[in-house]
Protein backbone atom coordinates (compact mmCIF):
# COMPACT_ATOMS: atom_id res chain seq x y z
CA UNK A 1 0.01 -0.02 -0.06
CA UNK A 2 0.88 3.61 -0.13
CA UNK A 3 -0.04 4.60 3.40
CA UNK A 4 1.61 3.51 6.66
CA UNK A 5 -0.79 3.37 9.68
CA UNK A 6 0.37 4.41 13.10
CA UNK A 7 -1.82 3.80 16.22
CA UNK A 8 -1.45 6.52 18.77
CA UNK A 9 -2.75 8.59 21.64
CA UNK A 10 -6.58 8.69 21.24
CA UNK A 11 -6.35 8.28 17.42
CA UNK A 12 -4.25 7.15 14.52
CA UNK A 13 -2.02 8.86 11.95
CA UNK A 14 -1.39 7.89 8.35
CA UNK A 15 1.84 8.62 6.61
CA UNK A 16 2.28 8.69 2.83
CA UNK A 17 4.93 6.30 1.63
CA UNK A 18 8.03 7.88 0.19
CA UNK A 19 7.34 11.33 1.68
CA UNK A 20 6.67 9.95 5.18
CA UNK A 21 4.55 12.94 5.95
CA UNK A 22 1.10 12.82 7.58
CA UNK A 23 -1.58 12.33 4.93
CA UNK A 24 -4.47 12.35 7.39
CA UNK A 25 -5.32 11.36 10.96
CA UNK A 26 -8.45 10.07 12.81
CA UNK A 27 -9.45 10.57 16.42
CA UNK A 28 -12.38 9.01 18.19
CA UNK A 29 -10.89 7.13 21.02
CA UNK A 30 -10.74 8.10 24.73
CA UNK A 31 -7.60 6.08 25.25
CA UNK A 32 -4.58 4.86 23.22
CA UNK A 33 -5.34 3.26 19.85
CA UNK A 34 -3.56 -0.11 19.66
CA UNK A 35 -4.62 -1.68 16.27
CA UNK A 36 -5.32 -0.35 12.87
CA UNK A 37 -6.62 -2.40 9.87
CA UNK A 38 -7.40 -1.27 6.31
CA UNK A 39 -10.37 -2.80 4.48
CA UNK A 40 -9.37 -4.93 1.44
CA UNK A 41 -10.69 -2.28 -0.90
CA UNK A 42 -8.71 0.47 0.92
CA UNK A 43 -11.86 2.64 1.42
CA UNK A 44 -12.17 2.09 5.12
CA UNK A 45 -10.00 1.70 8.18
CA UNK A 46 -10.89 0.06 11.57
CA UNK A 47 -9.18 1.12 14.72
CA UNK A 48 -9.46 -0.22 18.30
CA UNK A 49 -7.74 0.68 21.58
CA UNK A 50 -7.52 0.59 25.33
CA UNK A 51 -11.02 2.19 25.50
CA UNK A 52 -12.68 -1.12 24.34
CA UNK A 53 -14.12 0.55 21.31
CA UNK A 54 -13.86 -0.29 17.63
CA UNK A 55 -14.35 2.68 15.16
CA UNK A 56 -14.76 2.26 11.35
CA UNK A 57 -13.66 5.34 9.30
CA UNK A 58 -14.52 6.20 5.74
CA UNK A 59 -11.08 7.35 4.44
CA UNK A 60 -12.44 9.53 1.58
CA UNK A 61 -15.01 11.26 3.78
CA UNK A 62 -12.56 11.33 6.76
CA UNK A 63 -15.47 10.51 9.18
CA UNK A 64 -16.57 7.73 11.47
CA UNK A 65 -19.25 5.57 9.75
CA UNK A 66 -19.71 3.12 12.64
CA UNK A 67 -18.47 1.93 15.90
CA UNK A 68 -19.04 -0.72 18.60
CA UNK A 69 -18.24 -0.62 22.27
CA UNK A 70 -16.91 -3.96 23.62
CA UNK A 71 -16.94 -5.49 27.17
CA UNK A 72 -13.17 -6.13 26.92
CA UNK A 73 -10.20 -4.74 24.97
CA UNK A 74 -10.06 -5.99 21.42
CA UNK A 75 -6.88 -7.83 20.63
CA UNK A 76 -7.17 -8.10 16.89
CA UNK A 77 -8.93 -6.76 13.73
CA UNK A 78 -9.47 -8.51 10.40
CA UNK A 79 -11.70 -7.71 7.46
């Protein structure tokens, strides 16, 4: 892919390959983000973190399109 995803404090950052500059970022967590996963078609990204929440973002719209709050911290994401 052309984007490197970096989980971080209360969100995630995305760096453009080659330039290694921030292309965009997403927030939406109340604690550290621990896992980031791109959808197979590259249109969406799911994030999860220490707040026991999974967010799904539309990359083009740069907005949350769905989320779920879990009882325990999520330890993996897969599309």
